[in-house]
C-alpha atoms as a PDB file:
ATOM      1  CA  MET A   1     134.774 -70.664 105.809  1.00  0.00           C
ATOM      2  CA  TRP A   2     137.890 -72.224 104.289  1.00  0.00           C
ATOM      3  CA  VAL A   3     141.031 -70.339 105.303  1.00  0.00           C
ATOM      4  CA  ILE A   4     143.444 -70.199 102.371  1.00  0.00           C
ATOM      5  CA  HIS A   5     146.391 -68.479 104.043  1.00  0.00           C
ATOM      6  CA  GLN A   6     148.186 -71.682 105.033  1.00  0.00           C
ATOM      7  CA  PHE A   7     147.847 -73.107 101.534  1.00  0.00           C
ATOM      8  CA  LEU A   8     149.336 -69.971  99.944  1.00  0.00           C
ATOM      9  CA  ASP A   9     152.122 -69.803 102.539  1.00  0.00           C
ATOM     10  CA  GLU A  10     153.066 -73.414 101.862  1.00  0.00           C
ATOM     11  CA  LEU A  11     152.895 -72.830  98.107  1.00  0.00           C
ATOM     12  CA  TYR A  12     155.201 -69.832  98.489  1.00  0.00           C
ATOM     13  CA  GLN A  13     157.737 -71.724 100.601  1.00  0.00           C
ATOM     14  CA  ASP A  14     157.715 -74.711  98.268  1.00  0.00           C
ATOM     15  CA  THR A  15     158.216 -72.453  95.239  1.00  0.00           C
ATOM     16  CA  VAL A  16     160.993 -70.169  96.464  1.00  0.00           C
ATOM     17  CA  LYS A  17     163.079 -72.940  98.041  1.00  0.00           C
ATOM     18  CA  ARG A  18     163.647 -74.347  94.553  1.00  0.00           C
ATOM     19  CA  ASN A  19     165.220 -71.106  93.321  1.00  0.00           C
ATOM     20  CA  ARG A  20     168.919 -71.233  92.542  1.00  0.00           C
ATOM     21  CA  LYS A  21     171.085 -69.620  95.199  1.00  0.00           C
ATOM     22  CA  THR A  22     174.430 -69.337  93.405  1.00  0.00           C
ATOM     23  CA  TYR A  23     174.573 -65.726  92.281  1.00  0.00           C
ATOM     24  CA  ASP A  24     177.266 -65.808  89.620  1.00  0.00           C
ATOM     25  CA  GLU A  25     177.330 -64.344  86.107  1.00  0.00           C
ATOM     26  CA  ASP A  26     175.563 -67.414  84.667  1.00  0.00           C
ATOM     27  CA  TRP A  27     172.728 -66.879  87.158  1.00  0.00           C
ATOM     28  CA  GLN A  28     172.521 -63.219  86.200  1.00  0.00           C
ATOM     29  CA  SER A  29     172.472 -63.904  82.464  1.00  0.00           C
ATOM     30  CA  SER A  30     169.915 -66.715  82.585  1.00  0.00           C
ATOM     31  CA  LEU A  31     167.567 -64.952  85.019  1.00  0.00           C
ATOM     32  CA  THR A  32     167.698 -61.731  82.996  1.00  0.00           C
ATOM     33  CA  LEU A  33     166.634 -63.631  79.867  1.00  0.00           C
ATOM     34  CA  LYS A  34     163.856 -65.428  81.745  1.00  0.00           C
ATOM     35  CA  PHE A  35     162.710 -62.137  83.277  1.00  0.00           C
ATOM     36  CA  GLN A  36     162.399 -60.542  79.838  1.00  0.00           C
ATOM     37  CA  GLU A  37     160.379 -63.548  78.708  1.00  0.00           C
ATOM     38  CA  LEU A  38     158.002 -63.292  81.672  1.00  0.00           C
ATOM     39  CA  LEU A  39     157.497 -59.562  81.163  1.00  0.00           C
ATOM     40  CA  GLY A  40     156.614 -60.104  77.502  1.00  0.00           C
ATOM     41  CA  SER A  41     158.529 -58.502  74.683  1.00  0.00           C
ATOM     42  CA  PHE A  42     157.645 -55.529  72.506  1.00  0.00           C
ATOM     43  CA  THR A  43     159.449 -54.386  69.364  1.00  0.00           C
ATOM     44  CA  SER A  44     159.131 -51.416  67.033  1.00  0.00           C
ATOM     45  CA  ASP A  45     160.817 -50.418  63.795  1.00  0.00           C
ATOM     46  CA  VAL A  46     159.204 -46.986  63.658  1.00  0.00           C
ATOM     47  CA  SER A  47     161.396 -43.922  64.154  1.00  0.00           C
ATOM     48  CA  LEU A  48     160.991 -41.803  67.276  1.00  0.00           C
ATOM     49  CA  GLN A  49     159.680 -38.774  65.333  1.00  0.00           C
ATOM     50  CA  PRO A  50     160.228 -36.328  68.230  1.00  0.00           C
ATOM     51  CA  THR A  51     158.041 -33.234  68.337  1.00  0.00           C
ATOM     52  CA  ILE A  52     158.372 -30.274  70.704  1.00  0.00           C
ATOM     53  CA  ILE A  53     154.893 -29.406  71.979  1.00  0.00           C
ATOM     54  CA  GLU A  54     155.712 -26.687  74.494  1.00  0.00           C
ATOM     55  CA  GLN A  55     158.640 -24.838  76.048  1.00  0.00           C
ATOM     56  CA  LYS A  56     158.814 -22.775  79.235  1.00  0.00           C
ATOM     57  CA  VAL A  57     161.877 -21.060  80.696  1.00  0.00           C
ATOM     58  CA  TYR A  58     162.428 -20.827  84.452  1.00  0.00           C
ATOM     59  CA  ASP A  59     165.303 -19.211  86.368  1.00  0.00           C
ATOM     60  CA  GLN A  60     167.465 -22.338  86.568  1.00  0.00           C
ATOM     61  CA  TYR A  61     166.105 -24.603  83.857  1.00  0.00           C
ATOM     62  CA  THR A  62     163.942 -24.871  80.765  1.00  0.00           C
ATOM     63  CA  ARG A  63     161.062 -27.327  80.598  1.00  0.00           C
ATOM     64  CA  TYR A  64     160.075 -28.863  77.279  1.00  0.00           C
ATOM     65  CA  SER A  65     157.069 -31.017  76.535  1.00  0.00           C
ATOM     66  CA  ILE A  66     158.132 -33.480  73.852  1.00  0.00           C
ATOM     67  CA  GLU A  67     156.362 -36.373  72.175  1.00  0.00           C
ATOM     68  CA  ILE A  68     158.002 -39.433  70.623  1.00  0.00           C
ATOM     69  CA  THR A  69     156.669 -42.540  68.906  1.00  0.00           C
ATOM     70  CA  THR A  70     157.187 -45.753  70.872  1.00  0.00           C
ATOM     71  CA  LEU A  71     155.064 -48.233  68.923  1.00  0.00           C
ATOM     72  CA  PRO A  72     153.038 -47.929  65.724  1.00  0.00           C
ATOM     73  CA  SER A  73     150.146 -45.570  66.514  1.00  0.00           C
ATOM     74  CA  VAL A  74     151.446 -44.986  70.071  1.00  0.00           C
ATOM     75  CA  ARG A  75     152.882 -41.620  71.104  1.00  0.00           C
ATOM     76  CA  LEU A  76     154.525 -40.915  74.448  1.00  0.00           C
ATOM     77  CA  GLN A  77     154.656 -37.455  76.006  1.00  0.00           C
ATOM     78  CA  MET A  78     157.500 -36.535  78.340  1.00  0.00           C
ATOM     79  CA  PHE A  79     158.794 -33.479  80.094  1.00  0.00           C
ATOM     80  CA  VAL A  80     162.436 -32.710  79.432  1.00  0.00           C
ATOM     81  CA  LEU A  81     164.129 -30.440  81.955  1.00  0.00           C
ATOM     82  CA  VAL A  82     167.433 -28.873  80.856  1.00  0.00           C
ATOM     83  CA  PRO A  83     169.704 -26.729  83.075  1.00  0.00           C
ATOM     84  CA  ASN A  84     170.052 -23.206  81.658  1.00  0.00           C
ATOM     85  CA  ASN A  85     173.795 -22.782  82.119  1.00  0.00           C
ATOM     86  CA  LEU A  86     175.296 -25.838  80.400  1.00  0.00           C
ATOM     87  CA  LYS A  87     177.178 -23.595  77.935  1.00  0.00           C
ATOM     88  CA  GLY A  88     177.708 -26.357  75.420  1.00  0.00           C
ATOM     89  CA  ILE A  89     178.955 -28.886  77.981  1.00  0.00           C
ATOM     90  CA  LYS A  90     177.228 -32.268  77.979  1.00  0.00           C
ATOM     91  CA  ALA A  91     175.563 -33.101  81.285  1.00  0.00           C
ATOM     92  CA  PRO A  92     174.614 -36.321  83.055  1.00  0.00           C
ATOM     93  CA  ALA A  93     170.966 -37.289  82.797  1.00  0.00           C
ATOM     94  CA  VAL A  94     168.288 -39.009  84.856  1.00  0.00           C
ATOM     95  CA  LEU A  95     165.287 -40.936  83.608  1.00  0.00           C
ATOM     96  CA  ALA A  96     162.704 -39.884  86.240  1.00  0.00           C
ATOM     97  CA  LEU A  97     159.682 -42.139  86.702  1.00  0.00           C
ATOM     98  CA  HIS A  98     156.530 -41.137  88.571  1.00  0.00           C
ATOM     99  CA  GLY A  99     154.385 -43.492  90.596  1.00  0.00           C
ATOM    100  CA  HIS A 100     150.614 -43.665  90.963  1.00  0.00           C
ATOM    101  CA  GLY A 101     149.032 -40.244  90.816  1.00  0.00           C
ATOM    102  CA  TYR A 102     148.071 -37.902  87.997  1.00  0.00           C
ATOM    103  CA  GLY A 103     151.075 -38.631  85.807  1.00  0.00           C
ATOM    104  CA  ASN A 104     154.348 -36.918  85.000  1.00  0.00           C
ATOM    105  CA  LYS A 105     153.002 -33.444  85.794  1.00  0.00           C
ATOM    106  CA  ASP A 106     153.180 -34.648  89.409  1.00  0.00           C
ATOM    107  CA  ILE A 107     157.007 -34.624  89.442  1.00  0.00           C
ATOM    108  CA  VAL A 108     157.688 -31.382  87.527  1.00  0.00           C
ATOM    109  CA  GLY A 109     155.747 -28.901  89.659  1.00  0.00           C
ATOM    110  CA  LEU A 110     152.492 -28.851  87.693  1.00  0.00           C
ATOM    111  CA  ASP A 111     148.921 -29.425  88.807  1.00  0.00           C
ATOM    112  CA  PRO A 112     146.635 -31.840  86.893  1.00  0.00           C
ATOM    113  CA  SER A 113     145.620 -29.014  84.519  1.00  0.00           C
ATOM    114  CA  GLY A 114     149.236 -28.276  83.605  1.00  0.00           C
ATOM    115  CA  ASN A 115     149.539 -25.039  85.581  1.00  0.00           C
ATOM    116  CA  ASP A 116     152.388 -24.294  87.978  1.00  0.00           C
ATOM    117  CA  ARG A 117     151.375 -25.893  91.257  1.00  0.00           C
ATOM    118  CA  ASN A 118     151.128 -23.930  94.483  1.00  0.00           C
ATOM    119  CA  GLY A 119     151.049 -25.995  97.644  1.00  0.00           C
ATOM    120  CA  ASP A 120     151.873 -29.507  98.762  1.00  0.00           C
ATOM    121  CA  PRO A 121     154.007 -31.419  96.222  1.00  0.00           C
ATOM    122  CA  GLY A 122     152.654 -34.739  97.510  1.00  0.00           C
ATOM    123  CA  LEU A 123     154.583 -37.995  97.666  1.00  0.00           C
ATOM    124  CA  HIS A 124     156.623 -37.198  94.530  1.00  0.00           C
ATOM    125  CA  LYS A 125     158.144 -34.010  96.005  1.00  0.00           C
ATOM    126  CA  ASP A 126     158.741 -32.610  92.480  1.00  0.00           C
ATOM    127  CA  PHE A 127     161.872 -34.730  92.372  1.00  0.00           C
ATOM    128  CA  ALA A 128     162.501 -34.050  88.683  1.00  0.00           C
ATOM    129  CA  ILE A 129     162.932 -30.355  89.529  1.00  0.00           C
ATOM    130  CA  GLN A 130     165.242 -31.222  92.421  1.00  0.00           C
ATOM    131  CA  LEU A 131     167.430 -33.166  90.002  1.00  0.00           C
ATOM    132  CA  VAL A 132     167.594 -30.558  87.213  1.00  0.00           C
ATOM    133  CA  LYS A 133     168.626 -27.962  89.800  1.00  0.00           C
ATOM    134  CA  ARG A 134     171.528 -30.256  90.651  1.00  0.00           C
ATOM    135  CA  GLY A 135     172.796 -30.241  87.084  1.00  0.00           C
ATOM    136  CA  PHE A 136     171.026 -33.176  85.464  1.00  0.00           C
ATOM    137  CA  VAL A 137     169.118 -33.190  82.220  1.00  0.00           C
ATOM    138  CA  VAL A 138     165.918 -34.912  83.352  1.00  0.00           C
ATOM    139  CA  MET A 139     163.505 -36.858  81.189  1.00  0.00           C
ATOM    140  CA  ALA A 140     160.142 -37.577  82.801  1.00  0.00           C
ATOM    141  CA  PRO A 141     157.902 -39.699  80.570  1.00  0.00           C
ATOM    142  CA  GLU A 142     154.219 -40.148  81.277  1.00  0.00           C
ATOM    143  CA  LEU A 143     153.909 -43.881  81.922  1.00  0.00           C
ATOM    144  CA  ILE A 144     151.136 -45.472  79.895  1.00  0.00           C
ATOM    145  CA  GLY A 145     147.919 -45.795  81.900  1.00  0.00           C
ATOM    146  CA  PHE A 146     148.357 -42.534  83.825  1.00  0.00           C
ATOM    147  CA  GLY A 147     147.442 -38.893  83.304  1.00  0.00           C
ATOM    148  CA  GLU A 148     146.727 -38.091  79.677  1.00  0.00           C
ATOM    149  CA  ARG A 149     147.581 -41.667  78.634  1.00  0.00           C
ATOM    150  CA  THR A 150     144.649 -43.500  80.202  1.00  0.00           C
ATOM    151  CA  TYR A 151     142.550 -46.030  78.303  1.00  0.00           C
ATOM    152  CA  SER A 152     139.478 -44.423  76.747  1.00  0.00           C
ATOM    153  CA  ILE A 153     137.033 -47.019  78.114  1.00  0.00           C
ATOM    154  CA  ASP A 154     137.922 -46.061  81.691  1.00  0.00           C
ATOM    155  CA  LYS A 155     135.697 -43.303  83.071  1.00  0.00           C
ATOM    156  CA  ARG A 156     137.925 -41.088  85.204  1.00  0.00           C
ATOM    157  CA  GLN A 157     136.342 -39.483  88.253  1.00  0.00           C
ATOM    158  CA  SER A 158     139.621 -37.940  89.413  1.00  0.00           C
ATOM    159  CA  PRO A 159     142.872 -36.863  87.703  1.00  0.00           C
ATOM    160  CA  SER A 160     144.617 -39.607  89.694  1.00  0.00           C
ATOM    161  CA  ASP A 161     142.405 -42.386  88.301  1.00  0.00           C
ATOM    162  CA  ASN A 162     144.379 -44.731  86.062  1.00  0.00           C
ATOM    163  CA  SER A 163     143.964 -47.493  83.500  1.00  0.00           C
ATOM    164  CA  CYS A 164     146.377 -49.956  85.083  1.00  0.00           C
ATOM    165  CA  TYR A 165     143.788 -52.700  85.568  1.00  0.00           C
ATOM    166  CA  SER A 166     142.237 -52.386  82.100  1.00  0.00           C
ATOM    167  CA  LEU A 167     145.598 -52.403  80.324  1.00  0.00           C
ATOM    168  CA  ALA A 168     147.285 -55.023  82.504  1.00  0.00           C
ATOM    169  CA  SER A 169     144.391 -57.499  82.344  1.00  0.00           C
ATOM    170  CA  GLN A 170     144.149 -57.295  78.551  1.00  0.00           C
ATOM    171  CA  LEU A 171     147.905 -57.540  78.002  1.00  0.00           C
ATOM    172  CA  LEU A 172     147.960 -60.737  80.065  1.00  0.00           C
ATOM    173  CA  LEU A 173     145.753 -62.347  77.422  1.00  0.00           C
ATOM    174  CA  PHE A 174     148.544 -61.727  74.909  1.00  0.00           C
ATOM    175  CA  GLY A 175     151.222 -63.173  77.186  1.00  0.00           C
ATOM    176  CA  LYS A 176     152.494 -59.680  77.975  1.00  0.00           C
ATOM    177  CA  THR A 177     152.472 -57.401  81.008  1.00  0.00           C
ATOM    178  CA  LEU A 178     151.883 -53.732  81.651  1.00  0.00           C
ATOM    179  CA  ALA A 179     155.273 -53.559  83.368  1.00  0.00           C
ATOM    180  CA  GLY A 180     156.847 -54.960  80.203  1.00  0.00           C
ATOM    181  CA  LEU A 181     155.157 -52.325  78.052  1.00  0.00           C
ATOM    182  CA  ARG A 182     156.262 -49.521  80.357  1.00  0.00           C
ATOM    183  CA  VAL A 183     159.831 -50.839  80.381  1.00  0.00           C
ATOM    184  CA  PHE A 184     159.854 -50.969  76.586  1.00  0.00           C
ATOM    185  CA  GLU A 185     158.664 -47.375  76.359  1.00  0.00           C
ATOM    186  CA  CYS A 186     161.371 -46.310  78.809  1.00  0.00           C
ATOM    187  CA  GLN A 187     163.912 -47.974  76.551  1.00  0.00           C
ATOM    188  CA  ARG A 188     162.581 -45.872  73.694  1.00  0.00           C
ATOM    189  CA  VAL A 189     163.104 -42.822  75.902  1.00  0.00           C
ATOM    190  CA  LEU A 190     166.672 -44.014  76.439  1.00  0.00           C
ATOM    191  CA  ASP A 191     167.079 -44.120  72.646  1.00  0.00           C
ATOM    192  CA  PHE A 192     166.037 -40.475  72.602  1.00  0.00           C
ATOM    193  CA  MET A 193     168.354 -39.621  75.495  1.00  0.00           C
ATOM    194  CA  GLU A 194     171.348 -41.149  73.719  1.00  0.00           C
ATOM    195  CA  ALA A 195     170.849 -38.786  70.795  1.00  0.00           C
ATOM    196  CA  PHE A 196     169.990 -35.707  72.872  1.00  0.00           C
ATOM    197  CA  GLU A 197     172.656 -33.088  72.281  1.00  0.00           C
ATOM    198  CA  GLU A 198     172.951 -31.894  75.885  1.00  0.00           C
ATOM    199  CA  ILE A 199     173.342 -35.385  77.410  1.00  0.00           C
ATOM    200  CA  ASP A 200     176.519 -37.326  78.107  1.00  0.00           C
ATOM    201  CA  SER A 201     175.194 -40.800  77.292  1.00  0.00           C
ATOM    202  CA  THR A 202     177.883 -42.454  79.433  1.00  0.00           C
ATOM    203  CA  ARG A 203     176.344 -40.838  82.536  1.00  0.00           C
ATOM    204  CA  ILE A 204     172.683 -41.829  82.506  1.00  0.00           C
ATOM    205  CA  GLY A 205     170.935 -42.660  85.762  1.00  0.00           C
ATOM    206  CA  CYS A 206     167.394 -43.586  86.706  1.00  0.00           C
ATOM    207  CA  MET A 207     165.173 -42.752  89.666  1.00  0.00           C
ATOM    208  CA  GLY A 208     161.610 -43.816  90.382  1.00  0.00           C
ATOM    209  CA  ILE A 209     159.089 -43.858  93.213  1.00  0.00           C
ATOM    210  CA  SER A 210     156.615 -46.658  94.007  1.00  0.00           C
ATOM    211  CA  GLY A 211     155.314 -48.061  90.702  1.00  0.00           C
ATOM    212  CA  GLY A 212     157.901 -45.838  89.053  1.00  0.00           C
ATOM    213  CA  GLY A 213     160.489 -47.511  91.267  1.00  0.00           C
ATOM    214  CA  LEU A 214     159.362 -50.845  89.866  1.00  0.00           C
ATOM    215  CA  ILE A 215     159.816 -49.601  86.296  1.00  0.00           C
ATOM    216  CA  ALA A 216     163.148 -47.993  87.199  1.00  0.00           C
ATOM    217  CA  ALA A 217     164.413 -51.305  88.576  1.00  0.00           C
ATOM    218  CA  PHE A 218     163.054 -53.424  85.731  1.00  0.00           C
ATOM    219  CA  THR A 219     164.361 -51.066  83.033  1.00  0.00           C
ATOM    220  CA  THR A 220     167.797 -50.973  84.641  1.00  0.00           C
ATOM    221  CA  ILE A 221     167.888 -54.770  84.806  1.00  0.00           C
ATOM    222  CA  LEU A 222     167.257 -55.024  81.067  1.00  0.00           C
ATOM    223  CA  ASP A 223     169.150 -51.989  79.759  1.00  0.00           C
ATOM    224  CA  LYS A 224     172.792 -51.398  80.597  1.00  0.00           C
ATOM    225  CA  ARG A 225     172.694 -47.842  79.262  1.00  0.00           C
ATOM    226  CA  ILE A 226     171.537 -46.936  82.767  1.00  0.00           C
ATOM    227  CA  GLN A 227     174.702 -46.569  84.817  1.00  0.00           C
ATOM    228  CA  ALA A 228     173.205 -45.985  88.280  1.00  0.00           C
ATOM    229  CA  ILE A 229     169.786 -46.315  89.870  1.00  0.00           C
ATOM    230  CA  ALA A 230     167.945 -44.868  92.872  1.00  0.00           C
ATOM    231  CA  ILE A 231     164.780 -46.702  93.925  1.00  0.00           C
ATOM    232  CA  SER A 232     162.341 -45.019  96.297  1.00  0.00           C
ATOM    233  CA  GLY A 233     159.371 -46.667  97.994  1.00  0.00           C
ATOM    234  CA  TYR A 234     159.518 -50.047  96.260  1.00  0.00           C
ATOM    235  CA  THR A 235     162.414 -52.288  97.355  1.00  0.00           C
ATOM    236  CA  ASN A 236     160.917 -55.088  99.450  1.00  0.00           C
ATOM    237  CA  THR A 237     159.923 -58.736  99.087  1.00  0.00           C
ATOM    238  CA  PHE A 238     156.960 -59.938  97.071  1.00  0.00           C
ATOM    239  CA  LYS A 239     155.858 -61.947 100.115  1.00  0.00           C
ATOM    240  CA  GLY A 240     155.958 -58.939 102.424  1.00  0.00           C
ATOM    241  CA  SER A 241     154.389 -56.371 100.112  1.00  0.00           C
ATOM    242  CA  ILE A 242     152.719 -57.395  96.853  1.00  0.00           C
ATOM    243  CA  MET A 243     151.347 -60.623  98.362  1.00  0.00           C
ATOM    244  CA  ASN A 244     150.512 -59.055 101.700  1.00  0.00           C
ATOM    245  CA  ARG A 245     147.745 -56.708 100.569  1.00  0.00           C
ATOM    246  CA  ARG A 246     145.743 -55.707  97.514  1.00  0.00           C
ATOM    247  CA  HIS A 247     148.090 -53.983  95.082  1.00  0.00           C
ATOM    248  CA  CYS A 248     147.686 -52.571  91.592  1.00  0.00           C
ATOM    249  CA  LEU A 249     147.707 -55.247  88.883  1.00  0.00           C
ATOM    250  CA  ASP A 250     150.732 -53.593  87.250  1.00  0.00           C
ATOM    251  CA  ASN A 251     152.879 -55.178  89.992  1.00  0.00           C
ATOM    252  CA  TYR A 252     152.244 -58.783  89.004  1.00  0.00           C
ATOM    253  CA  ILE A 253     154.576 -60.765  86.738  1.00  0.00           C
ATOM    254  CA  PRO A 254     153.204 -64.243  85.952  1.00  0.00           C
ATOM    255  CA  GLY A 255     155.419 -67.023  87.271  1.00  0.00           C
ATOM    256  CA  ILE A 256     158.136 -64.776  88.685  1.00  0.00           C
ATOM    257  CA  LEU A 257     158.385 -66.558  92.059  1.00  0.00           C
ATOM    258  CA  GLN A 258     159.436 -69.742  90.279  1.00  0.00           C
ATOM    259  CA  TYR A 259     162.668 -67.951  89.450  1.00  0.00           C
ATOM    260  CA  ALA A 260     163.284 -65.114  91.894  1.00  0.00           C
ATOM    261  CA  GLU A 261     162.032 -63.060  94.817  1.00  0.00           C
ATOM    262  CA  MET A 262     162.108 -59.265  94.485  1.00  0.00           C
ATOM    263  CA  PRO A 263     165.559 -58.774  96.103  1.00  0.00           C
ATOM    264  CA  GLU A 264     167.095 -61.255  93.664  1.00  0.00           C
ATOM    265  CA  LEU A 265     165.506 -59.407  90.755  1.00  0.00           C
ATOM    266  CA  ILE A 266     166.755 -56.009  91.886  1.00  0.00           C
ATOM    267  CA  ALA A 267     170.220 -57.491  92.420  1.00  0.00           C
ATOM    268  CA  LEU A 268     170.360 -58.234  88.687  1.00  0.00           C
ATOM    269  CA  THR A 269     171.595 -54.636  88.440  1.00  0.00           C
ATOM    270  CA  VAL A 270     174.979 -55.808  89.801  1.00  0.00           C
ATOM    271  CA  PRO A 271     177.666 -54.428  89.418  1.00  0.00           C
ATOM    272  CA  ARG A 272     176.066 -51.028  88.777  1.00  0.00           C
ATOM    273  CA  PRO A 273     175.667 -48.600  91.711  1.00  0.00           C
ATOM    274  CA  LEU A 274     172.328 -48.946  93.507  1.00  0.00           C
ATOM    275  CA  TYR A 275     170.658 -46.624  96.018  1.00  0.00           C
ATOM    276  CA  ILE A 276     167.578 -47.610  98.011  1.00  0.00           C
ATOM    277  CA  GLU A 277     165.434 -45.237 100.058  1.00  0.00           C
ATOM    278  CA  SER A 278     162.302 -46.147 101.955  1.00  0.00           C
ATOM    279  CA  GLY A 279     160.146 -44.567 104.625  1.00  0.00           C
ATOM    280  CA  LYS A 280     160.067 -46.251 108.026  1.00  0.00           C
ATOM    281  CA  VAL A 281     156.267 -46.046 108.090  1.00  0.00           C
ATOM    282  CA  ASP A 282     155.612 -46.904 104.430  1.00  0.00           C
ATOM    283  CA  HIS A 283     152.285 -48.756 104.590  1.00  0.00           C
ATOM    284  CA  LEU A 284     152.644 -50.322 101.147  1.00  0.00           C
ATOM    285  CA  PHE A 285     156.223 -51.590 101.385  1.00  0.00           C
ATOM    286  CA  PRO A 286     156.912 -52.342 105.086  1.00  0.00           C
ATOM    287  CA  VAL A 287     160.347 -51.345 106.324  1.00  0.00           C
ATOM    288  CA  LYS A 288     161.105 -54.728 107.962  1.00  0.00           C
ATOM    289  CA  GLU A 289     160.808 -56.388 104.563  1.00  0.00           C
ATOM    290  CA  THR A 290     162.858 -53.589 103.001  1.00  0.00           C
ATOM    291  CA  GLU A 291     165.615 -54.336 105.504  1.00  0.00           C
ATOM    292  CA  LYS A 292     165.495 -58.026 104.544  1.00  0.00           C
ATOM    293  CA  ALA A 293     165.680 -57.099 100.873  1.00  0.00           C
ATOM    294  CA  ILE A 294     168.660 -54.774 101.385  1.00  0.00           C
ATOM    295  CA  LYS A 295     170.528 -57.492 103.273  1.00  0.00           C
ATOM    296  CA  GLU A 296     169.979 -59.994 100.463  1.00  0.00           C
ATOM    297  CA  ILE A 297     170.833 -57.528  97.693  1.00  0.00           C
ATOM    298  CA  LYS A 298     174.025 -56.540  99.477  1.00  0.00           C
ATOM    299  CA  SER A 299     174.915 -60.223  99.892  1.00  0.00           C
ATOM    300  CA  ILE A 300     174.490 -60.845  96.163  1.00  0.00           C
ATOM    301  CA  TYR A 301     176.606 -57.792  95.339  1.00  0.00           C
ATOM    302  CA  SER A 302     179.256 -59.079  97.752  1.00  0.00           C
ATOM    303  CA  GLU A 303     179.603 -62.290  95.735  1.00  0.00           C
ATOM    304  CA  ARG A 304     180.920 -60.041  92.966  1.00  0.00           C
ATOM    305  CA  ASN A 305     183.039 -58.039  95.442  1.00  0.00           C
ATOM    306  CA  VAL A 306     181.024 -54.843  94.865  1.00  0.00           C
ATOM    307  CA  ASP A 307     178.820 -54.685  97.958  1.00  0.00           C
ATOM    308  CA  HIS A 308     180.192 -51.169  98.578  1.00  0.00           C
ATOM    309  CA  LEU A 309     178.086 -50.046  95.575  1.00  0.00           C
ATOM    310  CA  VAL A 310     174.830 -50.685  97.476  1.00  0.00           C
ATOM    311  CA  LYS A 311     173.732 -47.703  99.580  1.00  0.00           C
ATOM    312  CA  TRP A 312     170.466 -47.023 101.375  1.00  0.00           C
ATOM    313  CA  HIS A 313     168.525 -44.599 103.555  1.00  0.00           C
ATOM    314  CA  LEU A 314     165.606 -45.614 105.758  1.00  0.00           C
ATOM    315  CA  PHE A 315     164.122 -42.235 106.568  1.00  0.00           C
ATOM    316  CA  GLU A 316     161.498 -40.911 108.968  1.00  0.00           C
ATOM    317  CA  GLY A 317     158.494 -40.843 106.671  1.00  0.00           C
ATOM    318  CA  GLY A 318     155.980 -42.837 104.699  1.00  0.00           C
ATOM    319  CA  HIS A 319     155.382 -43.811 101.086  1.00  0.00           C
ATOM    320  CA  GLU A 320     157.116 -40.847  99.496  1.00  0.00           C
ATOM    321  CA  ILE A 321     160.280 -39.497  97.940  1.00  0.00           C
ATOM    322  CA  CYS A 322     162.845 -38.339 100.483  1.00  0.00           C
ATOM    323  CA  GLY A 323     165.903 -37.246  98.510  1.00  0.00           C
ATOM    324  CA  ASN A 324     167.943 -36.081 101.505  1.00  0.00           C
ATOM    325  CA  GLN A 325     170.718 -38.487 100.543  1.00  0.00           C
ATOM    326  CA  SER A 326     169.658 -40.044  97.241  1.00  0.00           C
ATOM    327  CA  PHE A 327     169.889 -36.813  95.222  1.00  0.00           C
ATOM    328  CA  GLU A 328     173.453 -36.178  96.320  1.00  0.00           C
ATOM    329  CA  TRP A 329     174.317 -39.840  95.767  1.00  0.00           C
ATOM    330  CA  LEU A 330     173.202 -39.504  92.145  1.00  0.00           C
ATOM    331  CA  CYS A 331     175.262 -36.307  91.829  1.00  0.00           C
ATOM    332  CA  SER A 332     178.437 -37.906  93.140  1.00  0.00           C
ATOM    333  CA  THR A 333     177.931 -41.167  91.247  1.00  0.00           C
ATOM    334  CA  LEU A 334     177.256 -39.486  87.898  1.00  0.00           C
ATOM    335  CA  ASN A 335     179.422 -36.410  88.500  1.00  0.00           C
ATOM    336  CA  ALA A 336     176.739 -33.735  88.232  1.00  0.00           C
ATOM    337  CA  GLU A 337     177.396 -30.039  88.871  1.00  0.00           C
ATOM    338  CA  GLU A 338     174.734 -28.143  90.810  1.00  0.00           C
ATOM    339  CA  GLN A 339     173.135 -25.171  89.047  1.00  0.00           C
END
């Protein structure tokens, strides 16, 4: 049997060695434009048309289910968590992005049927609730392809089944990517956040886990309305993670290695504050490659004299949210007041 590993390794080395290594503002501007091109662009002239579907009051916060229009004939549902004691004062906000699982219910304390969950919160650790209790208005959109937003041709055997492959493979035929579509929808959520009465739009952060970490990073790269970002369970190298095992098709951006490895992409967030957390036994994004990525990201930030804005926590755990340091980092960076 022909062994292809050496061929792919040589192809990788030959490709990445041609990447530019001067990380100045021209590099940042040109790579950001190329990255948008590779993701594929989406545009929409339709208004958001927000509709409140449901409201439930808890001791410390109120949870709304709200729908907005992102593209013609496409509606996005999100949970909006608002602290109860704002008293007319605008609060900082976090765009909270779930990873693979049963959708945005997974991060707001609900089971797949929409009932309050009792028991293990799973890898997401209900991090949207942890953030609203710390004084943030939290917007948790259901990323397309998950939960109630799966493609109708996919027969779901479990609430965690998704439509990533069906959507990603078809979008590639149009020169677009599923990551690009999810980023665009998050930018529409940001439009909604800017106009939301309780939010101070100068203090918007973003946090995501796993595939949600990917979308958090990519959205932050392309949209400067996000002032700070916390990435959980994603920061790595393409070579050490995405190329090292079978991953979901939503991870793949055609041609990206001709221009950047993952650390270089994430470093496009410079000079905005960046927090990275990763489990030491994460089986999907190995910690040794995370350490390499952090070193390179910090080096790129240092070329702009802002390496102090890169923080990280490699915790005792696996592919999961930790939050022991990242939640408080978001609070201090965006000046949140705990409820």
